[in-house]
């Protein structure tokens, strides 16, 4: 166990909430979500070792909520990652271009505007 001061515990609580909300929602592609998952797992492992002797009940409740929020986001990120990978695997829905023969009504000297 790593005993920390109350200020450090509050800072880490804010860090967990920010990681679970702001940073996760800012991820756009597969690689960003995968990177976020690695960081989130590392932060959860680090936070499991923290303890604070002088923390109030409110501080500890906030800490517990922050840890749970990050765990919930990690669980949701697995599904989101699968959706992003499936989206990348689909072929593009662009229309296929085809070559068209020149129109009979126009000669090569005519301009089409």
PDB file of N, CA and C in Angstrom:
ATOM      1  N   UNK A   1       0.833  -1.188   0.000  1.00  0.00           N
ATOM      2  CA  UNK A   1       0.000   0.000   0.000  1.00  0.00           C
ATOM      3  C   UNK A   1       0.872   1.244   0.000  1.00  0.00           C
ATOM      4  N   UNK A   2       0.399   2.222  -0.718  1.00  0.00           N
ATOM      5  CA  UNK A   2       1.081   3.499  -0.795  1.00  0.00           C
ATOM      6  C   UNK A   2       0.200   4.543  -0.122  1.00  0.00           C
ATOM      7  N   UNK A   3       0.585   4.991   1.079  1.00  0.00           N
ATOM      8  CA  UNK A   3      -0.196   5.966   1.820  1.00  0.00           C
ATOM      9  C   UNK A   3       0.124   7.357   1.291  1.00  0.00           C
ATOM     10  N   UNK A   4      -0.946   8.091   0.946  1.00  0.00           N
ATOM     11  CA  UNK A   4      -0.775   9.427   0.369  1.00  0.00           C
ATOM     12  C   UNK A   4      -1.567  10.439   1.189  1.00  0.00           C
ATOM     13  N   UNK A   5      -1.287  11.713   0.943  1.00  0.00           N
ATOM     14  CA  UNK A   5      -2.023  12.787   1.605  1.00  0.00           C
ATOM     15  C   UNK A   5      -3.383  12.954   0.941  1.00  0.00           C
ATOM     16  N   UNK A   6      -4.269  13.647   1.618  1.00  0.00           N
ATOM     17  CA  UNK A   6      -5.626  13.857   1.117  1.00  0.00           C
ATOM     18  C   UNK A   6      -5.598  14.618  -0.203  1.00  0.00           C
ATOM     19  N   UNK A   7      -4.721  15.600  -0.316  1.00  0.00           N
ATOM     20  CA  UNK A   7      -4.634  16.378  -1.561  1.00  0.00           C
ATOM     21  C   UNK A   7      -4.259  15.497  -2.743  1.00  0.00           C
ATOM     22  N   UNK A   8      -3.365  14.560  -2.519  1.00  0.00           N
ATOM     23  CA  UNK A   8      -2.960  13.642  -3.583  1.00  0.00           C
ATOM     24  C   UNK A   8      -4.125  12.724  -3.954  1.00  0.00           C
ATOM     25  N   UNK A   9      -4.848  12.250  -2.971  1.00  0.00           N
ATOM     26  CA  UNK A   9      -6.008  11.403  -3.236  1.00  0.00           C
ATOM     27  C   UNK A   9      -7.056  12.157  -4.054  1.00  0.00           C
ATOM     28  N   UNK A  10      -7.296  13.407  -3.712  1.00  0.00           N
ATOM     29  CA  UNK A  10      -8.269  14.207  -4.470  1.00  0.00           C
ATOM     30  C   UNK A  10      -7.789  14.454  -5.900  1.00  0.00           C
ATOM     31  N   UNK A  11      -6.511  14.699  -6.051  1.00  0.00           N
ATOM     32  CA  UNK A  11      -5.952  14.900  -7.394  1.00  0.00           C
ATOM     33  C   UNK A  11      -6.092  13.633  -8.226  1.00  0.00           C
ATOM     34  N   UNK A  12      -5.812  12.507  -7.622  1.00  0.00           N
ATOM     35  CA  UNK A  12      -5.947  11.235  -8.335  1.00  0.00           C
ATOM     36  C   UNK A  12      -7.409  10.927  -8.659  1.00  0.00           C
ATOM     37  N   UNK A  13      -8.315  11.320  -7.774  1.00  0.00           N
ATOM     38  CA  UNK A  13      -9.744  11.149  -8.043  1.00  0.00           C
ATOM     39  C   UNK A  13     -10.144  11.957  -9.269  1.00  0.00           C
ATOM     40  N   UNK A  14      -9.689  13.198  -9.342  1.00  0.00           N
ATOM     41  CA  UNK A  14      -9.970  14.038 -10.508  1.00  0.00           C
ATOM     42  C   UNK A  14      -9.360  13.431 -11.771  1.00  0.00           C
ATOM     43  N   UNK A  15      -8.177  12.900 -11.635  1.00  0.00           N
ATOM     44  CA  UNK A  15      -7.498  12.270 -12.774  1.00  0.00           C
ATOM     45  C   UNK A  15      -8.309  11.086 -13.308  1.00  0.00           C
ATOM     46  N   UNK A  16      -8.835  10.268 -12.414  1.00  0.00           N
ATOM     47  CA  UNK A  16      -9.630   9.115 -12.835  1.00  0.00           C
ATOM     48  C   UNK A  16     -10.915   9.548 -13.531  1.00  0.00           C
ATOM     49  N   UNK A  17     -11.600  10.540 -12.959  1.00  0.00           N
ATOM     50  CA  UNK A  17     -12.820  11.044 -13.589  1.00  0.00           C
ATOM     51  C   UNK A  17     -12.526  11.646 -14.965  1.00  0.00           C
ATOM     52  N   UNK A  18     -11.435  12.405 -15.064  1.00  0.00           N
ATOM     53  CA  UNK A  18     -11.062  13.017 -16.338  1.00  0.00           C
ATOM     54  C   UNK A  18     -10.722  11.957 -17.378  1.00  0.00           C
ATOM     55  N   UNK A  19     -10.022  10.926 -16.970  1.00  0.00           N
ATOM     56  CA  UNK A  19      -9.665   9.830 -17.878  1.00  0.00           C
ATOM     57  C   UNK A  19     -10.908   9.073 -18.331  1.00  0.00           C
ATOM     58  N   UNK A  20     -11.841   8.861 -17.406  1.00  0.00           N
ATOM     59  CA  UNK A  20     -13.059   8.112 -17.731  1.00  0.00           C
ATOM     60  C   UNK A  20     -14.013   8.906 -18.607  1.00  0.00           C
ATOM     61  N   UNK A  21     -14.022  10.199 -18.489  1.00  0.00           N
ATOM     62  CA  UNK A  21     -14.986  11.012 -19.220  1.00  0.00           C
ATOM     63  C   UNK A  21     -14.348  11.754 -20.392  1.00  0.00           C
ATOM     64  N   UNK A  22     -13.537  12.732 -20.120  1.00  0.00           N
ATOM     65  CA  UNK A  22     -12.995  13.580 -21.183  1.00  0.00           C
ATOM     66  C   UNK A  22     -12.093  12.821 -22.147  1.00  0.00           C
ATOM     67  N   UNK A  23     -11.134  12.115 -21.632  1.00  0.00           N
ATOM     68  CA  UNK A  23     -10.157  11.453 -22.502  1.00  0.00           C
ATOM     69  C   UNK A  23     -10.799  10.340 -23.316  1.00  0.00           C
ATOM     70  N   UNK A  24     -11.675   9.573 -22.708  1.00  0.00           N
ATOM     71  CA  UNK A  24     -12.328   8.478 -23.435  1.00  0.00           C
ATOM     72  C   UNK A  24     -13.203   9.017 -24.563  1.00  0.00           C
ATOM     73  N   UNK A  25     -13.976  10.043 -24.280  1.00  0.00           N
ATOM     74  CA  UNK A  25     -14.886  10.594 -25.276  1.00  0.00           C
ATOM     75  C   UNK A  25     -14.147  11.309 -26.404  1.00  0.00           C
ATOM     76  N   UNK A  26     -12.890  11.664 -26.185  1.00  0.00           N
ATOM     77  CA  UNK A  26     -12.108  12.320 -27.226  1.00  0.00           C
ATOM     78  C   UNK A  26     -11.479  11.323 -28.202  1.00  0.00           C
ATOM     79  N   UNK A  27     -11.515  10.046 -27.879  1.00  0.00           N
ATOM     80  CA  UNK A  27     -10.931   9.031 -28.760  1.00  0.00           C
ATOM     81  C   UNK A  27     -11.774   8.893 -30.018  1.00  0.00           C
ATOM     82  N   UNK A  28     -11.093   8.835 -31.176  1.00  0.00           N
ATOM     83  CA  UNK A  28     -11.807   8.799 -32.444  1.00  0.00           C
ATOM     84  C   UNK A  28     -11.688   7.441 -33.122  1.00  0.00           C
ATOM     85  N   UNK A  29     -10.499   6.924 -33.258  1.00  0.00           N
ATOM     86  CA  UNK A  29     -10.297   5.701 -34.018  1.00  0.00           C
ATOM     87  C   UNK A  29      -9.908   4.518 -33.159  1.00  0.00           C
ATOM     88  N   UNK A  30      -9.648   3.427 -33.842  1.00  0.00           N
ATOM     89  CA  UNK A  30      -9.297   2.174 -33.171  1.00  0.00           C
ATOM     90  C   UNK A  30      -8.024   2.328 -32.356  1.00  0.00           C
ATOM     91  N   UNK A  31      -7.008   2.921 -32.955  1.00  0.00           N
ATOM     92  CA  UNK A  31      -5.722   3.044 -32.260  1.00  0.00           C
ATOM     93  C   UNK A  31      -5.831   3.934 -31.026  1.00  0.00           C
ATOM     94  N   UNK A  32      -6.625   4.978 -31.100  1.00  0.00           N
ATOM     95  CA  UNK A  32      -6.783   5.858 -29.940  1.00  0.00           C
ATOM     96  C   UNK A  32      -7.505   5.146 -28.808  1.00  0.00           C
ATOM     97  N   UNK A  33      -8.520   4.385 -29.125  1.00  0.00           N
ATOM     98  CA  UNK A  33      -9.246   3.644 -28.078  1.00  0.00           C
ATOM     99  C   UNK A  33      -8.335   2.586 -27.464  1.00  0.00           C
ATOM    100  N   UNK A  34      -7.556   1.909 -28.279  1.00  0.00           N
ATOM    101  CA  UNK A  34      -6.627   0.904 -27.748  1.00  0.00           C
ATOM    102  C   UNK A  34      -5.592   1.554 -26.833  1.00  0.00           C
ATOM    103  N   UNK A  35      -5.071   2.703 -27.233  1.00  0.00           N
ATOM    104  CA  UNK A  35      -4.120   3.425 -26.390  1.00  0.00           C
ATOM    105  C   UNK A  35      -4.756   3.874 -25.086  1.00  0.00           C
ATOM    106  N   UNK A  36      -6.005   4.340 -25.182  1.00  0.00           N
ATOM    107  CA  UNK A  36      -6.718   4.755 -23.977  1.00  0.00           C
ATOM    108  C   UNK A  36      -6.910   3.575 -23.033  1.00  0.00           C
ATOM    109  N   UNK A  37      -7.232   2.409 -23.576  1.00  0.00           N
ATOM    110  CA  UNK A  37      -7.424   1.223 -22.742  1.00  0.00           C
ATOM    111  C   UNK A  37      -6.137   0.869 -21.987  1.00  0.00           C
ATOM    112  N   UNK A  38      -5.004   0.974 -22.654  1.00  0.00           N
ATOM    113  CA  UNK A  38      -3.726   0.674 -21.992  1.00  0.00           C
ATOM    114  C   UNK A  38      -3.476   1.646 -20.844  1.00  0.00           C
ATOM    115  N   UNK A  39      -3.694   2.921 -21.101  1.00  0.00           N
ATOM    116  CA  UNK A  39      -3.485   3.934 -20.053  1.00  0.00           C
ATOM    117  C   UNK A  39      -4.457   3.709 -18.900  1.00  0.00           C
ATOM    118  N   UNK A  40      -5.717   3.451 -19.203  1.00  0.00           N
ATOM    119  CA  UNK A  40      -6.724   3.255 -18.157  1.00  0.00           C
ATOM    120  C   UNK A  40      -6.393   2.044 -17.288  1.00  0.00           C
ATOM    121  N   UNK A  41      -5.964   0.955 -17.907  1.00  0.00           N
ATOM    122  CA  UNK A  41      -5.580  -0.228 -17.118  1.00  0.00           C
ATOM    123  C   UNK A  41      -4.388   0.062 -16.222  1.00  0.00           C
ATOM    124  N   UNK A  42      -3.406   0.798 -16.743  1.00  0.00           N
ATOM    125  CA  UNK A  42      -2.229   1.134 -15.941  1.00  0.00           C
ATOM    126  C   UNK A  42      -2.612   2.030 -14.763  1.00  0.00           C
ATOM    127  N   UNK A  43      -3.479   3.009 -15.006  1.00  0.00           N
ATOM    128  CA  UNK A  43      -3.897   3.927 -13.939  1.00  0.00           C
ATOM    129  C   UNK A  43      -4.697   3.181 -12.879  1.00  0.00           C
ATOM    130  N   UNK A  44      -5.547   2.251 -13.291  1.00  0.00           N
ATOM    131  CA  UNK A  44      -6.300   1.456 -12.310  1.00  0.00           C
ATOM    132  C   UNK A  44      -5.372   0.605 -11.457  1.00  0.00           C
ATOM    133  N   UNK A  45      -4.358   0.032 -12.082  1.00  0.00           N
ATOM    134  CA  UNK A  45      -3.391  -0.763 -11.317  1.00  0.00           C
ATOM    135  C   UNK A  45      -2.646   0.099 -10.299  1.00  0.00           C
ATOM    136  N   UNK A  46      -2.269   1.309 -10.719  1.00  0.00           N
ATOM    137  CA  UNK A  46      -1.572   2.217  -9.810  1.00  0.00           C
ATOM    138  C   UNK A  46      -2.491   2.672  -8.671  1.00  0.00           C
ATOM    139  N   UNK A  47      -3.733   2.932  -8.987  1.00  0.00           N
ATOM    140  CA  UNK A  47      -4.654   3.462  -7.980  1.00  0.00           C
ATOM    141  C   UNK A  47      -5.059   2.403  -6.956  1.00  0.00           C
ATOM    142  N   UNK A  48      -4.951   1.147  -7.303  1.00  0.00           N
ATOM    143  CA  UNK A  48      -5.297   0.082  -6.357  1.00  0.00           C
ATOM    144  C   UNK A  48      -4.346   0.074  -5.162  1.00  0.00           C
ATOM    145  N   UNK A  49      -3.180   0.667  -5.328  1.00  0.00           N
ATOM    146  CA  UNK A  49      -2.182   0.663  -4.260  1.00  0.00           C
ATOM    147  C   UNK A  49      -2.267   1.876  -3.341  1.00  0.00           C
ATOM    148  N   UNK A  50      -3.173   2.810  -3.625  1.00  0.00           N
ATOM    149  CA  UNK A  50      -3.257   4.026  -2.822  1.00  0.00           C
ATOM    150  C   UNK A  50      -4.133   3.840  -1.593  1.00  0.00           C
ATOM    151  N   UNK A  51      -3.736   4.503  -0.521  1.00  0.00           N
ATOM    152  CA  UNK A  51      -4.565   4.580   0.679  1.00  0.00           C
ATOM    153  C   UNK A  51      -4.313   5.929   1.336  1.00  0.00           C
ATOM    154  N   UNK A  52      -5.289   6.366   2.131  1.00  0.00           N
ATOM    155  CA  UNK A  52      -5.183   7.673   2.787  1.00  0.00           C
ATOM    156  C   UNK A  52      -5.805   7.561   4.176  1.00  0.00           C
ATOM    157  N   UNK A  53      -5.004   7.874   5.187  1.00  0.00           N
ATOM    158  CA  UNK A  53      -5.467   7.742   6.561  1.00  0.00           C
ATOM    159  C   UNK A  53      -6.413   8.867   6.974  1.00  0.00           C
ATOM    160  N   UNK A  54      -6.252  10.056   6.418  1.00  0.00           N
ATOM    161  CA  UNK A  54      -7.017  11.215   6.867  1.00  0.00           C
ATOM    162  C   UNK A  54      -8.151  11.601   5.914  1.00  0.00           C
ATOM    163  N   UNK A  55      -8.448  10.766   4.961  1.00  0.00           N
ATOM    164  CA  UNK A  55      -9.518  11.084   4.014  1.00  0.00           C
ATOM    165  C   UNK A  55     -10.869  11.020   4.705  1.00  0.00           C
ATOM    166  N   UNK A  56     -11.745  11.944   4.320  1.00  0.00           N
ATOM    167  CA  UNK A  56     -13.096  11.947   4.875  1.00  0.00           C
ATOM    168  C   UNK A  56     -13.934  10.895   4.146  1.00  0.00           C
ATOM    169  N   UNK A  57     -15.117  10.662   4.652  1.00  0.00           N
ATOM    170  CA  UNK A  57     -16.014   9.703   4.013  1.00  0.00           C
ATOM    171  C   UNK A  57     -16.381  10.167   2.599  1.00  0.00           C
ATOM    172  N   UNK A  58     -16.554  11.492   2.430  1.00  0.00           N
ATOM    173  CA  UNK A  58     -16.861  12.038   1.108  1.00  0.00           C
ATOM    174  C   UNK A  58     -15.717  11.769   0.136  1.00  0.00           C
ATOM    175  N   UNK A  59     -14.475  11.989   0.584  1.00  0.00           N
ATOM    176  CA  UNK A  59     -13.310  11.740  -0.278  1.00  0.00           C
ATOM    177  C   UNK A  59     -13.256  10.279  -0.710  1.00  0.00           C
ATOM    178  N   UNK A  60     -13.511   9.392   0.223  1.00  0.00           N
ATOM    179  CA  UNK A  60     -13.462   7.968  -0.098  1.00  0.00           C
ATOM    180  C   UNK A  60     -14.608   7.560  -1.028  1.00  0.00           C
ATOM    181  N   UNK A  61     -15.785   8.171  -0.848  1.00  0.00           N
ATOM    182  CA  UNK A  61     -16.910   7.903  -1.755  1.00  0.00           C
ATOM    183  C   UNK A  61     -16.592   8.391  -3.164  1.00  0.00           C
ATOM    184  N   UNK A  62     -15.998   9.575  -3.254  1.00  0.00           N
ATOM    185  CA  UNK A  62     -15.612  10.109  -4.564  1.00  0.00           C
ATOM    186  C   UNK A  62     -14.573   9.208  -5.221  1.00  0.00           C
ATOM    187  N   UNK A  63     -13.623   8.750  -4.432  1.00  0.00           N
ATOM    188  CA  UNK A  63     -12.579   7.860  -4.936  1.00  0.00           C
ATOM    189  C   UNK A  63     -13.196   6.570  -5.481  1.00  0.00           C
ATOM    190  N   UNK A  64     -14.099   5.991  -4.720  1.00  0.00           N
ATOM    191  CA  UNK A  64     -14.766   4.767  -5.149  1.00  0.00           C
ATOM    192  C   UNK A  64     -15.577   4.996  -6.419  1.00  0.00           C
ATOM    193  N   UNK A  65     -16.255   6.125  -6.491  1.00  0.00           N
ATOM    194  CA  UNK A  65     -17.037   6.453  -7.696  1.00  0.00           C
ATOM    195  C   UNK A  65     -16.135   6.622  -8.916  1.00  0.00           C
ATOM    196  N   UNK A  66     -15.001   7.247  -8.722  1.00  0.00           N
ATOM    197  CA  UNK A  66     -14.070   7.464  -9.835  1.00  0.00           C
ATOM    198  C   UNK A  66     -13.503   6.144 -10.349  1.00  0.00           C
ATOM    199  N   UNK A  67     -13.143   5.257  -9.435  1.00  0.00           N
ATOM    200  CA  UNK A  67     -12.629   3.949  -9.836  1.00  0.00           C
ATOM    201  C   UNK A  67     -13.702   3.164 -10.584  1.00  0.00           C
ATOM    202  N   UNK A  68     -14.930   3.186 -10.072  1.00  0.00           N
ATOM    203  CA  UNK A  68     -16.027   2.468 -10.722  1.00  0.00           C
ATOM    204  C   UNK A  68     -16.339   3.068 -12.099  1.00  0.00           C
ATOM    205  N   UNK A  69     -16.300   4.382 -12.206  1.00  0.00           N
ATOM    206  CA  UNK A  69     -16.557   5.033 -13.503  1.00  0.00           C
ATOM    207  C   UNK A  69     -15.526   4.610 -14.535  1.00  0.00           C
ATOM    208  N   UNK A  70     -14.269   4.520 -14.120  1.00  0.00           N
ATOM    209  CA  UNK A  70     -13.216   4.107 -15.052  1.00  0.00           C
ATOM    210  C   UNK A  70     -13.380   2.641 -15.439  1.00  0.00           C
ATOM    211  N   UNK A  71     -13.752   1.797 -14.494  1.00  0.00           N
ATOM    212  CA  UNK A  71     -13.995   0.387 -14.816  1.00  0.00           C
ATOM    213  C   UNK A  71     -15.164   0.238 -15.785  1.00  0.00           C
ATOM    214  N   UNK A  72     -16.225   1.022 -15.574  1.00  0.00           N
ATOM    215  CA  UNK A  72     -17.377   0.982 -16.478  1.00  0.00           C
ATOM    216  C   UNK A  72     -16.991   1.430 -17.882  1.00  0.00           C
ATOM    217  N   UNK A  73     -16.187   2.479 -17.976  1.00  0.00           N
ATOM    218  CA  UNK A  73     -15.742   2.952 -19.289  1.00  0.00           C
ATOM    219  C   UNK A  73     -14.870   1.920 -19.973  1.00  0.00           C
ATOM    220  N   UNK A  74     -14.046   1.231 -19.214  1.00  0.00           N
ATOM    221  CA  UNK A  74     -13.215   0.172 -19.801  1.00  0.00           C
ATOM    222  C   UNK A  74     -14.085  -0.934 -20.375  1.00  0.00           C
ATOM    223  N   UNK A  75     -15.133  -1.300 -19.665  1.00  0.00           N
ATOM    224  CA  UNK A  75     -16.044  -2.328 -20.166  1.00  0.00           C
ATOM    225  C   UNK A  75     -16.751  -1.841 -21.428  1.00  0.00           C
ATOM    226  N   UNK A  76     -17.171  -0.586 -21.442  1.00  0.00           N
ATOM    227  CA  UNK A  76     -17.844  -0.033 -22.622  1.00  0.00           C
ATOM    228  C   UNK A  76     -16.893   0.123 -23.793  1.00  0.00           C
ATOM    229  N   UNK A  77     -15.626   0.344 -23.512  1.00  0.00           N
ATOM    230  CA  UNK A  77     -14.656   0.559 -24.591  1.00  0.00           C
ATOM    231  C   UNK A  77     -14.423  -0.704 -25.411  1.00  0.00           C
ATOM    232  N   UNK A  78     -14.634  -1.866 -24.824  1.00  0.00           N
ATOM    233  CA  UNK A  78     -14.469  -3.120 -25.566  1.00  0.00           C
ATOM    234  C   UNK A  78     -15.514  -3.198 -26.680  1.00  0.00           C
ATOM    235  N   UNK A  79     -16.748  -2.849 -26.351  1.00  0.00           N
ATOM    236  CA  UNK A  79     -17.815  -2.859 -27.357  1.00  0.00           C
ATOM    237  C   UNK A  79     -17.586  -1.769 -28.405  1.00  0.00           C
ATOM    238  N   UNK A  80     -17.188  -0.607 -27.949  1.00  0.00           N
ATOM    239  CA  UNK A  80     -16.922   0.488 -28.895  1.00  0.00           C
ATOM    240  C   UNK A  80     -15.786   0.130 -29.844  1.00  0.00           C
ATOM    241  N   UNK A  81     -14.765  -0.511 -29.323  1.00  0.00           N
ATOM    242  CA  UNK A  81     -13.639  -0.930 -30.157  1.00  0.00           C
ATOM    243  C   UNK A  81     -14.085  -1.934 -31.210  1.00  0.00           C
ATOM    244  N   UNK A  82     -14.948  -2.859 -30.824  1.00  0.00           N
ATOM    245  CA  UNK A  82     -15.469  -3.832 -31.790  1.00  0.00           C
ATOM    246  C   UNK A  82     -16.277  -3.139 -32.881  1.00  0.00           C
ATOM    247  N   UNK A  83     -17.062  -2.134 -32.507  1.00  0.00           N
ATOM    248  CA  UNK A  83     -17.847  -1.393 -33.499  1.00  0.00           C
ATOM    249  C   UNK A  83     -16.938  -0.621 -34.451  1.00  0.00           C
ATOM    250  N   UNK A  84     -15.899  -0.005 -33.914  1.00  0.00           N
ATOM    251  CA  UNK A  84     -14.973   0.738 -34.765  1.00  0.00           C
ATOM    252  C   UNK A  84     -14.226  -0.190 -35.723  1.00  0.00           C
ATOM    253  N   UNK A  85     -13.841  -1.363 -35.248  1.00  0.00           N
ATOM    254  CA  UNK A  85     -13.143  -2.310 -36.109  1.00  0.00           C
ATOM    255  C   UNK A  85     -14.066  -2.841 -37.190  1.00  0.00           C
ATOM    256  N   UNK A  86     -15.329  -3.070 -36.854  1.00  0.00           N
ATOM    257  CA  UNK A  86     -16.288  -3.537 -37.856  1.00  0.00           C
ATOM    258  C   UNK A  86     -16.533  -2.455 -38.906  1.00  0.00           C
ATOM    259  N   UNK A  87     -16.579  -1.214 -38.471  1.00  0.00           N
ATOM    260  CA  UNK A  87     -16.784  -0.102 -39.396  1.00  0.00           C
ATOM    261  C   UNK A  87     -15.609   0.015 -40.361  1.00  0.00           C
ATOM    262  N   UNK A  88     -14.387  -0.180 -39.851  1.00  0.00           N
ATOM    263  CA  UNK A  88     -13.208  -0.109 -40.705  1.00  0.00           C
ATOM    264  C   UNK A  88     -13.134  -1.284 -41.676  1.00  0.00           C
ATOM    265  N   UNK A  89     -13.724  -2.413 -41.301  1.00  0.00           N
ATOM    266  CA  UNK A  89     -13.660  -3.607 -42.139  1.00  0.00           C
ATOM    267  C   UNK A  89     -14.635  -3.541 -43.308  1.00  0.00           C
ATOM    268  N   UNK A  90     -15.705  -2.753 -43.192  1.00  0.00           N
ATOM    269  CA  UNK A  90     -16.690  -2.657 -44.258  1.00  0.00           C
ATOM    270  C   UNK A  90     -16.079  -1.956 -45.472  1.00  0.00           C
ATOM    271  N   UNK A  91     -16.448  -2.385 -46.665  1.00  0.00           N
ATOM    272  CA  UNK A  91     -15.978  -1.662 -47.845  1.00  0.00           C
ATOM    273  C   UNK A  91     -16.638  -0.289 -47.901  1.00  0.00           C
ATOM    274  N   UNK A  92     -15.995   0.591 -48.574  1.00  0.00           N
ATOM    275  CA  UNK A  92     -16.508   1.951 -48.684  1.00  0.00           C
ATOM    276  C   UNK A  92     -17.839   1.961 -49.419  1.00  0.00           C
ATOM    277  N   UNK A  93     -18.729   2.823 -49.002  1.00  0.00           N
ATOM    278  CA  UNK A  93     -20.045   2.926 -49.608  1.00  0.00           C
ATOM    279  C   UNK A  93     -20.080   3.977 -50.722  1.00  0.00           C
ATOM    280  N   UNK A  94     -18.930   4.336 -51.232  1.00  0.00           N
ATOM    281  CA  UNK A  94     -18.877   5.314 -52.309  1.00  0.00           C
ATOM    282  C   UNK A  94     -19.470   4.739 -53.585  1.00  0.00           C
ATOM    283  N   UNK A  95     -20.058   5.584 -54.407  1.00  0.00           N
ATOM    284  CA  UNK A  95     -20.562   5.089 -55.690  1.00  0.00           C
ATOM    285  C   UNK A  95     -19.388   4.718 -56.596  1.00  0.00           C
ATOM    286  N   UNK A  96     -19.596   3.718 -57.387  1.00  0.00           N
ATOM    287  CA  UNK A  96     -18.548   3.256 -58.290  1.00  0.00           C
ATOM    288  C   UNK A  96     -18.578   4.124 -59.541  1.00  0.00           C
ATOM    289  N   UNK A  97     -17.422   4.617 -59.925  1.00  0.00           N
ATOM    290  CA  UNK A  97     -17.323   5.418 -61.139  1.00  0.00           C
ATOM    291  C   UNK A  97     -17.265   4.497 -62.341  1.00  0.00           C
ATOM    292  N   UNK A  98     -17.921   4.900 -63.402  1.00  0.00           N
ATOM    293  CA  UNK A  98     -17.880   4.103 -64.617  1.00  0.00           C
ATOM    294  C   UNK A  98     -17.566   5.017 -65.783  1.00  0.00           C
ATOM    295  N   UNK A  99     -16.930   4.481 -66.796  1.00  0.00           N
ATOM    296  CA  UNK A  99     -16.557   5.236 -67.980  1.00  0.00           C
ATOM    297  C   UNK A  99     -17.767   5.301 -68.901  1.00  0.00           C
ATOM    298  N   UNK A 100     -18.063   6.497 -69.370  1.00  0.00           N
ATOM    299  CA  UNK A 100     -19.210   6.712 -70.232  1.00  0.00           C
ATOM    300  C   UNK A 100     -18.698   7.160 -71.598  1.00  0.00           C
ATOM    301  N   UNK A 101     -19.306   6.621 -72.620  1.00  0.00           N
ATOM    302  CA  UNK A 101     -18.900   7.026 -73.968  1.00  0.00           C
ATOM    303  C   UNK A 101     -19.350   8.446 -74.239  1.00  0.00           C
ATOM    304  N   UNK A 102     -18.665   9.175 -75.113  1.00  0.00           N
ATOM    305  CA  UNK A 102     -19.050  10.556 -75.404  1.00  0.00           C
ATOM    306  C   UNK A 102     -20.456  10.630 -75.987  1.00  0.00           C
ATOM    307  N   UNK A 103     -21.116  11.689 -75.710  1.00  0.00           N
ATOM    308  CA  UNK A 103     -22.475  11.894 -76.181  1.00  0.00           C
ATOM    309  C   UNK A 103     -22.481  12.168 -77.685  1.00  0.00           C
ATOM    310  N   UNK A 104     -23.468  11.667 -78.376  1.00  0.00           N
ATOM    311  CA  UNK A 104     -23.557  11.837 -79.819  1.00  0.00           C
ATOM    312  C   UNK A 104     -23.817  13.282 -80.215  1.00  0.00           C
ATOM    313  N   UNK A 105     -24.475  14.034 -79.335  1.00  0.00           N
ATOM    314  CA  UNK A 105     -24.889  15.387 -79.685  1.00  0.00           C
ATOM    315  C   UNK A 105     -23.744  16.398 -79.610  1.00  0.00           C
ATOM    316  N   UNK A 106     -22.645  16.035 -79.016  1.00  0.00           N
ATOM    317  CA  UNK A 106     -21.541  16.969 -78.862  1.00  0.00           C
ATOM    318  C   UNK A 106     -20.341  16.491 -79.647  1.00  0.00           C
ATOM    319  N   UNK A 107     -19.665  17.436 -80.225  1.00  0.00           N
ATOM    320  CA  UNK A 107     -18.409  17.102 -80.896  1.00  0.00           C
ATOM    321  C   UNK A 107     -17.281  17.368 -79.930  1.00  0.00           C
ATOM    322  N   UNK A 108     -16.100  17.057 -80.287  1.00  0.00           N
ATOM    323  CA  UNK A 108     -14.951  17.250 -79.400  1.00  0.00           C
ATOM    324  C   UNK A 108     -14.659  18.717 -79.163  1.00  0.00           C
ATOM    325  N   UNK A 109     -15.095  19.577 -80.039  1.00  0.00           N
ATOM    326  CA  UNK A 109     -14.823  21.012 -79.905  1.00  0.00           C
ATOM    327  C   UNK A 109     -15.796  21.719 -78.999  1.00  0.00           C
ATOM    328  N   UNK A 110     -16.941  21.104 -78.699  1.00  0.00           N
ATOM    329  CA  UNK A 110     -17.942  21.722 -77.836  1.00  0.00           C
ATOM    330  C   UNK A 110     -17.488  21.666 -76.386  1.00  0.00           C
ATOM    331  N   UNK A 111     -17.814  22.731 -75.677  1.00  0.00           N
ATOM    332  CA  UNK A 111     -17.527  22.755 -74.242  1.00  0.00           C
ATOM    333  C   UNK A 111     -18.803  22.503 -73.463  1.00  0.00           C
ATOM    334  N   UNK A 112     -18.689  21.764 -72.435  1.00  0.00           N
ATOM    335  CA  UNK A 112     -19.836  21.524 -71.558  1.00  0.00           C
ATOM    336  C   UNK A 112     -19.606  22.318 -70.286  1.00  0.00           C
ATOM    337  N   UNK A 113     -20.570  23.158 -69.971  1.00  0.00           N
ATOM    338  CA  UNK A 113     -20.425  24.015 -68.777  1.00  0.00           C
ATOM    339  C   UNK A 113     -21.309  23.510 -67.696  1.00  0.00           C
TER     340      UNK A 113
END
